Amino acid sequence: IPQGYRAEMDNPAMLILMPPVLRNRKDVLFGNMPEIYDFHNKIFLHSLESCLGAPERVGCCFLDRREDFQMYEKYCQNKPRSESLWRQCSECTFFQECQRKLEHKLGLDSYLLKPVQRLTKYQLLLKELLKYSTSCDGVQELQEALVAMLDLLKSVNDSMHQISITGYDGDLSELGKVLMQGSFSVWTGHRKGPTKMKDLARFKPMQRHLFLYEKALVFCKKREEHGDGYDKTSSYSFKHFLKMNAVGITENVKGDHRKFEIWYSGREEVYVVQVCSIETLSMCSSSPFRKFLP
């Protein structure tokens, strides 16, 4: 793909076949695929090949290069832009000619999806290795590698939601890493004093999508998907945010174990949040929230 498609975009003989909207936009269409390709071809493949006689050492290969795998997050974040450009140009003669030369049965879009598919397969590989490595060296490293790949998948998923936030006046990257995100029912509680559930029950909750960053908790309103087929997209309209250095949390609100309370600046602002499941409640009240409380 880098040679048969991407490099051909710089070929003067192929320029006449390219629509104007495609010219000088190979970085949009392919994202950082060359970076991913070079990493695997020159570094990671050789590390894996060194484990042919001792597959339990594969875990170390992943752990040694865990930071490099963050390049997948950049690729996935660019994917919506890439897909949009592809939809505009997919029927053009340039792509048809490249596909003919390569003798590919599948179009370019199938190959642009490969890095995303590969990312999801790593954790399956590690799970399979662990299944047959219960009593040998390297088990702990395999388990740690699996956790690292699952964390990467979650990070990519969270970041894909983040790029759909609209209306924020500033740079979201300044808020730090996205630790978790999800949809919740939110009530604005009473200023000062504990929140009484019987009072809250009289009011209809707001539906909000919350993004927990290292430095802030961001409240958004999820907009309904619009468009058809590939054009279906979701967006999150920014509403407000709370700085984490002034946030406190009460893990259980009396009267409903699915709710927890977020209070701000000494209870000047109070928000009661209801999760969709007990599992989500456990996740929200554990490490990410507690780690960043003052």
C-alpha atoms as a PDB file:
ATOM      1  CA  ILE A   1       0.000   0.000   0.000  1.00  0.00           C
ATOM      2  CA  PRO A   2       2.782   2.524   0.752  1.00  0.00           C
ATOM      3  CA  GLN A   3       4.432   1.676  -2.567  1.00  0.00           C
ATOM      4  CA  GLY A   4       1.470   0.829  -4.789  1.00  0.00           C
ATOM      5  CA  TYR A   5      -0.810   3.673  -3.679  1.00  0.00           C
ATOM      6  CA  ARG A   6       0.869   6.268  -1.487  1.00  0.00           C
ATOM      7  CA  ALA A   7       4.068   6.615  -3.529  1.00  0.00           C
ATOM      8  CA  GLU A   8       2.026   6.745  -6.736  1.00  0.00           C
ATOM      9  CA  MET A   9       0.422   9.982  -5.532  1.00  0.00           C
ATOM     10  CA  ASP A  10       3.827  11.608  -6.163  1.00  0.00           C
ATOM     11  CA  ASN A  11       4.220  10.014  -9.588  1.00  0.00           C
ATOM     12  CA  PRO A  12       3.927  12.750 -12.287  1.00  0.00           C
ATOM     13  CA  ALA A  13       2.582  10.193 -14.765  1.00  0.00           C
ATOM     14  CA  MET A  14      -0.355   9.432 -12.445  1.00  0.00           C
ATOM     15  CA  LEU A  15      -1.157  13.050 -11.612  1.00  0.00           C
ATOM     16  CA  ILE A  16      -3.599  13.415 -14.491  1.00  0.00           C
ATOM     17  CA  LEU A  17      -5.718  10.589 -13.061  1.00  0.00           C
ATOM     18  CA  MET A  18      -6.087  12.256  -9.649  1.00  0.00           C
ATOM     19  CA  PRO A  19      -9.040  14.532  -8.841  1.00  0.00           C
ATOM     20  CA  PRO A  20      -8.017  17.938  -7.415  1.00  0.00           C
ATOM     21  CA  VAL A  21      -9.441  17.114  -3.963  1.00  0.00           C
ATOM     22  CA  LEU A  22      -6.970  14.224  -3.640  1.00  0.00           C
ATOM     23  CA  ARG A  23      -3.792  16.032  -4.609  1.00  0.00           C
ATOM     24  CA  ASN A  24      -1.251  16.740  -1.850  1.00  0.00           C
ATOM     25  CA  ARG A  25      -3.443  14.941   0.682  1.00  0.00           C
ATOM     26  CA  LYS A  26      -1.711  11.599   1.067  1.00  0.00           C
ATOM     27  CA  ASP A  27      -1.065  12.311   4.761  1.00  0.00           C
ATOM     28  CA  VAL A  28      -4.816  12.636   5.266  1.00  0.00           C
ATOM     29  CA  LEU A  29      -5.654   9.487   3.334  1.00  0.00           C
ATOM     30  CA  PHE A  30      -2.935   7.267   4.802  1.00  0.00           C
ATOM     31  CA  GLY A  31      -2.365   8.956   8.151  1.00  0.00           C
ATOM     32  CA  ASN A  32       0.798   7.677   9.805  1.00  0.00           C
ATOM     33  CA  MET A  33       0.649   4.278   8.105  1.00  0.00           C
ATOM     34  CA  PRO A  34       4.305   4.627   6.956  1.00  0.00           C
ATOM     35  CA  GLU A  35       5.346   5.023  10.598  1.00  0.00           C
ATOM     36  CA  ILE A  36       3.406   1.902  11.588  1.00  0.00           C
ATOM     37  CA  TYR A  37       4.828  -0.019   8.634  1.00  0.00           C
ATOM     38  CA  ASP A  38       8.431   0.927   9.441  1.00  0.00           C
ATOM     39  CA  PHE A  39       7.980   0.029  13.107  1.00  0.00           C
ATOM     40  CA  HIS A  40       6.741  -3.453  12.278  1.00  0.00           C
ATOM     41  CA  ASN A  41       9.067  -4.092   9.357  1.00  0.00           C
ATOM     42  CA  LYS A  42      12.285  -2.864  10.950  1.00  0.00           C
ATOM     43  CA  ILE A  43      11.750  -3.425  14.683  1.00  0.00           C
ATOM     44  CA  PHE A  44       8.792  -5.426  15.991  1.00  0.00           C
ATOM     45  CA  LEU A  45       8.866  -8.235  13.415  1.00  0.00           C
ATOM     46  CA  HIS A  46      12.499  -8.994  14.267  1.00  0.00           C
ATOM     47  CA  SER A  47      11.683  -9.054  17.972  1.00  0.00           C
ATOM     48  CA  LEU A  48       8.887 -11.562  17.396  1.00  0.00           C
ATOM     49  CA  GLU A  49      11.052 -13.730  15.125  1.00  0.00           C
ATOM     50  CA  SER A  50      13.604 -14.007  17.936  1.00  0.00           C
ATOM     51  CA  CYS A  51      10.884 -15.764  19.981  1.00  0.00           C
ATOM     52  CA  LEU A  52      10.224 -18.582  17.502  1.00  0.00           C
ATOM     53  CA  GLY A  53      11.848 -21.127  19.814  1.00  0.00           C
ATOM     54  CA  ALA A  54      10.429 -19.646  23.020  1.00  0.00           C
ATOM     55  CA  PRO A  55       7.005 -18.049  22.400  1.00  0.00           C
ATOM     56  CA  GLU A  56       6.567 -17.282  26.090  1.00  0.00           C
ATOM     57  CA  ARG A  57       9.041 -14.431  25.554  1.00  0.00           C
ATOM     58  CA  VAL A  58       6.553 -12.642  23.294  1.00  0.00           C
ATOM     59  CA  GLY A  59       5.225 -10.765  26.314  1.00  0.00           C
ATOM     60  CA  CYS A  60       8.560  -8.989  26.698  1.00  0.00           C
ATOM     61  CA  CYS A  61       8.448  -7.892  23.041  1.00  0.00           C
ATOM     62  CA  PHE A  62       5.195  -6.058  23.701  1.00  0.00           C
ATOM     63  CA  LEU A  63       6.327  -4.604  27.015  1.00  0.00           C
ATOM     64  CA  ASP A  64       9.629  -3.347  25.608  1.00  0.00           C
ATOM     65  CA  ARG A  65       7.771  -1.500  22.849  1.00  0.00           C
ATOM     66  CA  ARG A  66       4.569  -0.511  24.625  1.00  0.00           C
ATOM     67  CA  GLU A  67       5.195   3.201  24.055  1.00  0.00           C
ATOM     68  CA  ASP A  68       5.641   2.658  20.312  1.00  0.00           C
ATOM     69  CA  PHE A  69       2.151   1.194  20.050  1.00  0.00           C
ATOM     70  CA  GLN A  70       0.715   4.625  20.845  1.00  0.00           C
ATOM     71  CA  MET A  71       1.210   5.395  17.141  1.00  0.00           C
ATOM     72  CA  TYR A  72      -1.975   3.376  16.550  1.00  0.00           C
ATOM     73  CA  GLU A  73      -3.948   5.976  18.472  1.00  0.00           C
ATOM     74  CA  LYS A  74      -2.796   8.661  16.048  1.00  0.00           C
ATOM     75  CA  TYR A  75      -3.805   6.462  13.098  1.00  0.00           C
ATOM     76  CA  CYS A  76      -7.269   5.807  14.519  1.00  0.00           C
ATOM     77  CA  GLN A  77      -7.854   9.467  15.305  1.00  0.00           C
ATOM     78  CA  ASN A  78      -7.146  10.305  11.664  1.00  0.00           C
ATOM     79  CA  LYS A  79      -9.403   7.513  10.348  1.00  0.00           C
ATOM     80  CA  PRO A  80     -12.589   9.639  10.087  1.00  0.00           C
ATOM     81  CA  ARG A  81     -10.743  12.200   7.921  1.00  0.00           C
ATOM     82  CA  SER A  82      -9.276   9.420   5.812  1.00  0.00           C
ATOM     83  CA  GLU A  83     -12.669   7.778   5.301  1.00  0.00           C
ATOM     84  CA  SER A  84     -14.255  11.092   4.354  1.00  0.00           C
ATOM     85  CA  LEU A  85     -11.601  11.717   1.686  1.00  0.00           C
ATOM     86  CA  TRP A  86     -11.899   8.152   0.404  1.00  0.00           C
ATOM     87  CA  ARG A  87     -15.657   8.481  -0.023  1.00  0.00           C
ATOM     88  CA  GLN A  88     -15.142  11.558  -2.181  1.00  0.00           C
ATOM     89  CA  CYS A  89     -12.598   9.880  -4.449  1.00  0.00           C
ATOM     90  CA  SER A  90     -13.196   6.127  -4.267  1.00  0.00           C
ATOM     91  CA  GLU A  91     -14.475   5.871  -7.849  1.00  0.00           C
ATOM     92  CA  CYS A  92     -11.697   7.911  -9.430  1.00  0.00           C
ATOM     93  CA  THR A  93      -9.475   6.493 -12.163  1.00  0.00           C
ATOM     94  CA  PHE A  94      -6.335   6.880 -10.044  1.00  0.00           C
ATOM     95  CA  PHE A  95      -7.422   4.297  -7.476  1.00  0.00           C
ATOM     96  CA  GLN A  96      -8.728   1.966 -10.166  1.00  0.00           C
ATOM     97  CA  GLU A  97      -5.394   2.068 -11.995  1.00  0.00           C
ATOM     98  CA  CYS A  98      -3.391   1.460  -8.799  1.00  0.00           C
ATOM     99  CA  GLN A  99      -5.592  -1.499  -7.920  1.00  0.00           C
ATOM    100  CA  ARG A 100      -5.215  -2.913 -11.429  1.00  0.00           C
ATOM    101  CA  LYS A 101      -1.402  -2.690 -11.291  1.00  0.00           C
ATOM    102  CA  LEU A 102      -1.306  -4.408  -7.896  1.00  0.00           C
ATOM    103  CA  GLU A 103      -3.817  -7.066  -9.046  1.00  0.00           C
ATOM    104  CA  HIS A 104      -5.747  -6.591  -5.801  1.00  0.00           C
ATOM    105  CA  LYS A 105      -9.254  -7.970  -5.539  1.00  0.00           C
ATOM    106  CA  LEU A 106     -10.063  -5.582  -2.698  1.00  0.00           C
ATOM    107  CA  GLY A 107     -10.106  -1.803  -2.860  1.00  0.00           C
ATOM    108  CA  LEU A 108      -7.778   0.489  -0.928  1.00  0.00           C
ATOM    109  CA  ASP A 109     -10.326   1.060   1.863  1.00  0.00           C
ATOM    110  CA  SER A 110     -10.043  -2.603   2.903  1.00  0.00           C
ATOM    111  CA  TYR A 111      -6.298  -2.188   3.419  1.00  0.00           C
ATOM    112  CA  LEU A 112      -6.623   1.139   5.225  1.00  0.00           C
ATOM    113  CA  LEU A 113      -8.678  -0.735   7.802  1.00  0.00           C
ATOM    114  CA  LYS A 114      -5.900  -3.281   8.448  1.00  0.00           C
ATOM    115  CA  PRO A 115      -4.041  -1.317  11.165  1.00  0.00           C
ATOM    116  CA  VAL A 116      -7.279  -0.930  13.142  1.00  0.00           C
ATOM    117  CA  GLN A 117      -8.003  -4.653  12.797  1.00  0.00           C
ATOM    118  CA  ARG A 118      -4.444  -5.544  13.758  1.00  0.00           C
ATOM    119  CA  LEU A 119      -4.689  -3.507  16.931  1.00  0.00           C
ATOM    120  CA  THR A 120      -7.701  -5.532  18.095  1.00  0.00           C
ATOM    121  CA  LYS A 121      -5.994  -8.838  17.283  1.00  0.00           C
ATOM    122  CA  TYR A 122      -2.963  -8.344  19.530  1.00  0.00           C
ATOM    123  CA  GLN A 123      -4.912  -8.924  22.724  1.00  0.00           C
ATOM    124  CA  LEU A 124      -6.447 -12.087  21.190  1.00  0.00           C
ATOM    125  CA  LEU A 125      -2.966 -13.379  20.380  1.00  0.00           C
ATOM    126  CA  LEU A 126      -1.770 -12.774  23.926  1.00  0.00           C
ATOM    127  CA  LYS A 127      -4.856 -14.438  25.433  1.00  0.00           C
ATOM    128  CA  GLU A 128      -4.223 -17.500  23.286  1.00  0.00           C
ATOM    129  CA  LEU A 129      -0.564 -17.634  24.334  1.00  0.00           C
ATOM    130  CA  LEU A 130      -1.535 -17.355  27.999  1.00  0.00           C
ATOM    131  CA  LYS A 131      -3.907 -20.279  27.615  1.00  0.00           C
ATOM    132  CA  TYR A 132      -0.948 -22.563  26.879  1.00  0.00           C
ATOM    133  CA  SER A 133       1.656 -20.917  29.116  1.00  0.00           C
ATOM    134  CA  THR A 134       0.361 -21.567  32.619  1.00  0.00           C
ATOM    135  CA  SER A 135       3.453 -23.350  33.943  1.00  0.00           C
ATOM    136  CA  CYS A 136       6.418 -21.787  32.189  1.00  0.00           C
ATOM    137  CA  ASP A 137       8.637 -18.751  32.401  1.00  0.00           C
ATOM    138  CA  GLY A 138       7.314 -15.522  30.989  1.00  0.00           C
ATOM    139  CA  VAL A 139       3.724 -15.913  32.158  1.00  0.00           C
ATOM    140  CA  GLN A 140       3.811 -12.699  34.184  1.00  0.00           C
ATOM    141  CA  GLU A 141       5.198 -10.758  31.217  1.00  0.00           C
ATOM    142  CA  LEU A 142       2.497 -12.195  28.939  1.00  0.00           C
ATOM    143  CA  GLN A 143      -0.170 -11.129  31.430  1.00  0.00           C
ATOM    144  CA  GLU A 144       1.302  -7.636  31.722  1.00  0.00           C
ATOM    145  CA  ALA A 145       1.471  -7.387  27.925  1.00  0.00           C
ATOM    146  CA  LEU A 146      -2.197  -8.370  27.681  1.00  0.00           C
ATOM    147  CA  VAL A 147      -3.148  -5.657  30.183  1.00  0.00           C
ATOM    148  CA  ALA A 148      -1.058  -3.142  28.221  1.00  0.00           C
ATOM    149  CA  MET A 149      -2.809  -4.007  24.937  1.00  0.00           C
ATOM    150  CA  LEU A 150      -6.253  -3.875  26.540  1.00  0.00           C
ATOM    151  CA  ASP A 151      -5.368  -0.484  28.022  1.00  0.00           C
ATOM    152  CA  LEU A 152      -4.273   0.674  24.571  1.00  0.00           C
ATOM    153  CA  LEU A 153      -7.584  -0.444  23.064  1.00  0.00           C
ATOM    154  CA  LYS A 154      -9.467   1.485  25.734  1.00  0.00           C
ATOM    155  CA  SER A 155      -7.285   4.537  25.215  1.00  0.00           C
ATOM    156  CA  VAL A 156      -7.883   4.468  21.455  1.00  0.00           C
ATOM    157  CA  ASN A 157     -11.626   4.056  21.967  1.00  0.00           C
ATOM    158  CA  ASP A 158     -11.742   6.957  24.429  1.00  0.00           C
ATOM    159  CA  SER A 159      -9.720   9.200  22.139  1.00  0.00           C
ATOM    160  CA  MET A 160     -12.021   8.391  19.204  1.00  0.00           C
ATOM    161  CA  HIS A 161     -14.949   9.741  21.228  1.00  0.00           C
ATOM    162  CA  GLN A 162     -12.932  12.782  22.279  1.00  0.00           C
ATOM    163  CA  ILE A 163     -12.299  13.978  18.714  1.00  0.00           C
ATOM    164  CA  SER A 164     -16.074  14.353  18.282  1.00  0.00           C
ATOM    165  CA  ILE A 165     -16.346  17.021  21.013  1.00  0.00           C
ATOM    166  CA  THR A 166     -17.545  20.347  19.590  1.00  0.00           C
ATOM    167  CA  GLY A 167     -17.889  23.790  21.131  1.00  0.00           C
ATOM    168  CA  TYR A 168     -14.949  23.653  23.547  1.00  0.00           C
ATOM    169  CA  ASP A 169     -13.132  26.999  23.553  1.00  0.00           C
ATOM    170  CA  GLY A 170      -9.580  25.818  24.022  1.00  0.00           C
ATOM    171  CA  ASP A 171      -7.201  22.922  23.415  1.00  0.00           C
ATOM    172  CA  LEU A 172      -8.494  19.644  24.881  1.00  0.00           C
ATOM    173  CA  SER A 173      -4.983  18.188  24.832  1.00  0.00           C
ATOM    174  CA  GLU A 174      -4.077  20.642  27.605  1.00  0.00           C
ATOM    175  CA  LEU A 175      -6.450  18.740  29.917  1.00  0.00           C
ATOM    176  CA  GLY A 176      -4.206  15.678  29.782  1.00  0.00           C
ATOM    177  CA  LYS A 177      -4.994  12.104  28.834  1.00  0.00           C
ATOM    178  CA  VAL A 178      -8.575  10.807  28.613  1.00  0.00           C
ATOM    179  CA  LEU A 179      -8.857   8.272  31.439  1.00  0.00           C
ATOM    180  CA  MET A 180     -12.439   7.175  30.818  1.00  0.00           C
ATOM    181  CA  GLN A 181     -15.685   8.298  29.190  1.00  0.00           C
ATOM    182  CA  GLY A 182     -19.323   7.269  29.102  1.00  0.00           C
ATOM    183  CA  SER A 183     -22.969   8.340  29.130  1.00  0.00           C
ATOM    184  CA  PHE A 184     -24.733   9.109  32.431  1.00  0.00           C
ATOM    185  CA  SER A 185     -27.867  10.614  33.904  1.00  0.00           C
ATOM    186  CA  VAL A 186     -26.962  13.784  35.806  1.00  0.00           C
ATOM    187  CA  TRP A 187     -28.902  15.852  38.340  1.00  0.00           C
ATOM    188  CA  THR A 188     -27.706  19.231  39.581  1.00  0.00           C
ATOM    189  CA  GLY A 189     -27.952  18.932  43.341  1.00  0.00           C
ATOM    190  CA  HIS A 190     -28.499  21.508  46.052  1.00  0.00           C
ATOM    191  CA  ARG A 191     -25.777  23.999  46.861  1.00  0.00           C
ATOM    192  CA  LYS A 192     -24.436  23.340  50.339  1.00  0.00           C
ATOM    193  CA  GLY A 193     -25.501  20.388  52.411  1.00  0.00           C
ATOM    194  CA  PRO A 194     -26.175  16.750  51.453  1.00  0.00           C
ATOM    195  CA  THR A 195     -28.330  15.873  48.474  1.00  0.00           C
ATOM    196  CA  LYS A 196     -31.718  14.348  49.326  1.00  0.00           C
ATOM    197  CA  MET A 197     -32.863  11.675  46.914  1.00  0.00           C
ATOM    198  CA  LYS A 198     -36.531  12.454  47.476  1.00  0.00           C
ATOM    199  CA  ASP A 199     -35.877  15.987  46.209  1.00  0.00           C
ATOM    200  CA  LEU A 200     -33.971  14.778  43.164  1.00  0.00           C
ATOM    201  CA  ALA A 201     -36.705  12.295  42.256  1.00  0.00           C
ATOM    202  CA  ARG A 202     -38.988  15.191  41.355  1.00  0.00           C
ATOM    203  CA  PHE A 203     -36.699  16.380  38.594  1.00  0.00           C
ATOM    204  CA  LYS A 204     -35.898  14.808  35.256  1.00  0.00           C
ATOM    205  CA  PRO A 205     -32.154  14.140  34.898  1.00  0.00           C
ATOM    206  CA  MET A 206     -29.980  15.567  32.145  1.00  0.00           C
ATOM    207  CA  GLN A 207     -28.380  13.036  29.826  1.00  0.00           C
ATOM    208  CA  ARG A 208     -24.679  13.813  29.677  1.00  0.00           C
ATOM    209  CA  HIS A 209     -21.580  12.203  28.235  1.00  0.00           C
ATOM    210  CA  LEU A 210     -18.707  12.623  30.688  1.00  0.00           C
ATOM    211  CA  PHE A 211     -15.022  12.655  29.770  1.00  0.00           C
ATOM    212  CA  LEU A 212     -12.604  12.211  32.647  1.00  0.00           C
ATOM    213  CA  TYR A 213      -9.266  13.811  31.836  1.00  0.00           C
ATOM    214  CA  GLU A 214      -6.229  13.986  34.097  1.00  0.00           C
ATOM    215  CA  LYS A 215      -6.908  17.659  34.808  1.00  0.00           C
ATOM    216  CA  ALA A 216     -10.667  18.077  34.302  1.00  0.00           C
ATOM    217  CA  LEU A 217     -14.048  16.396  34.151  1.00  0.00           C
ATOM    218  CA  VAL A 218     -15.836  17.501  30.964  1.00  0.00           C
ATOM    219  CA  PHE A 219     -19.637  17.428  30.601  1.00  0.00           C
ATOM    220  CA  CYS A 220     -21.056  17.112  27.078  1.00  0.00           C
ATOM    221  CA  LYS A 221     -24.418  16.470  25.482  1.00  0.00           C
ATOM    222  CA  LYS A 222     -24.408  13.661  22.961  1.00  0.00           C
ATOM    223  CA  ARG A 223     -25.993  14.598  19.666  1.00  0.00           C
ATOM    224  CA  GLU A 224     -27.988  11.987  17.795  1.00  0.00           C
ATOM    225  CA  GLU A 225     -26.291  10.224  14.936  1.00  0.00           C
ATOM    226  CA  HIS A 226     -27.066  11.761  11.575  1.00  0.00           C
ATOM    227  CA  GLY A 227     -26.458  10.740   8.003  1.00  0.00           C
ATOM    228  CA  ASP A 228     -26.732   7.372   6.325  1.00  0.00           C
ATOM    229  CA  GLY A 229     -24.339   4.473   6.152  1.00  0.00           C
ATOM    230  CA  TYR A 230     -20.719   5.615   6.323  1.00  0.00           C
ATOM    231  CA  ASP A 231     -21.828   9.166   6.973  1.00  0.00           C
ATOM    232  CA  LYS A 232     -23.358   8.315  10.347  1.00  0.00           C
ATOM    233  CA  THR A 233     -21.512  10.249  13.010  1.00  0.00           C
ATOM    234  CA  SER A 234     -22.001  11.130  16.659  1.00  0.00           C
ATOM    235  CA  SER A 235     -20.885  14.370  18.234  1.00  0.00           C
ATOM    236  CA  TYR A 236     -20.653  15.725  21.758  1.00  0.00           C
ATOM    237  CA  SER A 237     -21.567  19.337  22.435  1.00  0.00           C
ATOM    238  CA  PHE A 238     -19.433  20.784  25.211  1.00  0.00           C
ATOM    239  CA  LYS A 239     -21.433  22.098  28.190  1.00  0.00           C
ATOM    240  CA  HIS A 240     -18.975  22.747  31.025  1.00  0.00           C
ATOM    241  CA  PHE A 241     -16.025  21.284  32.901  1.00  0.00           C
ATOM    242  CA  LEU A 242     -14.748  20.927  36.444  1.00  0.00           C
ATOM    243  CA  LYS A 243     -11.056  21.180  37.321  1.00  0.00           C
ATOM    244  CA  MET A 244      -9.958  17.974  39.038  1.00  0.00           C
ATOM    245  CA  ASN A 245      -7.921  19.808  41.676  1.00  0.00           C
ATOM    246  CA  ALA A 246     -11.212  21.157  43.105  1.00  0.00           C
ATOM    247  CA  VAL A 247     -13.382  18.046  42.690  1.00  0.00           C
ATOM    248  CA  GLY A 248     -14.541  15.679  45.431  1.00  0.00           C
ATOM    249  CA  ILE A 249     -16.594  12.506  45.192  1.00  0.00           C
ATOM    250  CA  THR A 250     -19.067  10.709  47.428  1.00  0.00           C
ATOM    251  CA  GLU A 251     -19.102   7.130  46.180  1.00  0.00           C
ATOM    252  CA  ASN A 252     -22.599   6.241  47.368  1.00  0.00           C
ATOM    253  CA  VAL A 253     -25.702   8.400  47.476  1.00  0.00           C
ATOM    254  CA  LYS A 254     -28.150   7.205  50.085  1.00  0.00           C
ATOM    255  CA  GLY A 255     -31.190   5.644  48.510  1.00  0.00           C
ATOM    256  CA  ASP A 256     -29.654   4.369  45.262  1.00  0.00           C
ATOM    257  CA  HIS A 257     -26.406   2.421  44.955  1.00  0.00           C
ATOM    258  CA  ARG A 258     -26.237   3.231  41.223  1.00  0.00           C
ATOM    259  CA  LYS A 259     -25.625   6.910  41.972  1.00  0.00           C
ATOM    260  CA  PHE A 260     -22.555   8.761  43.165  1.00  0.00           C
ATOM    261  CA  GLU A 261     -22.016  12.422  43.917  1.00  0.00           C
ATOM    262  CA  ILE A 262     -19.480  14.826  42.441  1.00  0.00           C
ATOM    263  CA  TRP A 263     -19.013  18.091  44.299  1.00  0.00           C
ATOM    264  CA  TYR A 264     -16.977  21.104  43.337  1.00  0.00           C
ATOM    265  CA  SER A 265     -15.260  23.890  45.274  1.00  0.00           C
ATOM    266  CA  GLY A 266     -16.436  22.809  48.722  1.00  0.00           C
ATOM    267  CA  ARG A 267     -19.944  21.809  47.517  1.00  0.00           C
ATOM    268  CA  GLU A 268     -20.536  25.110  45.746  1.00  0.00           C
ATOM    269  CA  GLU A 269     -21.664  22.903  42.850  1.00  0.00           C
ATOM    270  CA  VAL A 270     -23.056  19.391  43.350  1.00  0.00           C
ATOM    271  CA  TYR A 271     -23.826  16.827  40.666  1.00  0.00           C
ATOM    272  CA  VAL A 272     -25.504  13.476  41.259  1.00  0.00           C
ATOM    273  CA  VAL A 273     -24.517  10.991  38.578  1.00  0.00           C
ATOM    274  CA  GLN A 274     -26.316   7.737  37.829  1.00  0.00           C
ATOM    275  CA  VAL A 275     -24.514   4.953  36.008  1.00  0.00           C
ATOM    276  CA  CYS A 276     -26.078   2.381  33.732  1.00  0.00           C
ATOM    277  CA  SER A 277     -24.730  -0.650  35.620  1.00  0.00           C
ATOM    278  CA  ILE A 278     -23.042  -1.743  38.838  1.00  0.00           C
ATOM    279  CA  GLU A 279     -19.916  -2.577  36.830  1.00  0.00           C
ATOM    280  CA  THR A 280     -19.708   0.995  35.586  1.00  0.00           C
ATOM    281  CA  LEU A 281     -20.213   2.305  39.122  1.00  0.00           C
ATOM    282  CA  SER A 282     -17.342   0.158  40.371  1.00  0.00           C
ATOM    283  CA  MET A 283     -15.120   1.448  37.558  1.00  0.00           C
ATOM    284  CA  CYS A 284     -16.003   5.091  38.189  1.00  0.00           C
ATOM    285  CA  SER A 285     -15.462   4.976  41.940  1.00  0.00           C
ATOM    286  CA  SER A 286     -12.090   3.257  41.729  1.00  0.00           C
ATOM    287  CA  SER A 287      -8.667   4.254  40.448  1.00  0.00           C
ATOM    288  CA  PRO A 288      -9.298   6.979  37.816  1.00  0.00           C
ATOM    289  CA  PHE A 289     -11.477   9.193  40.011  1.00  0.00           C
ATOM    290  CA  ARG A 290      -9.644   8.586  43.267  1.00  0.00           C
ATOM    291  CA  LYS A 291      -6.207   9.136  41.775  1.00  0.00           C
ATOM    292  CA  PHE A 292      -6.965  12.725  40.834  1.00  0.00           C
ATOM    293  CA  LEU A 293      -8.978  13.830  43.828  1.00  0.00           C
ATOM    294  CA  PRO A 294      -7.306  16.543  45.959  1.00  0.00           C
END
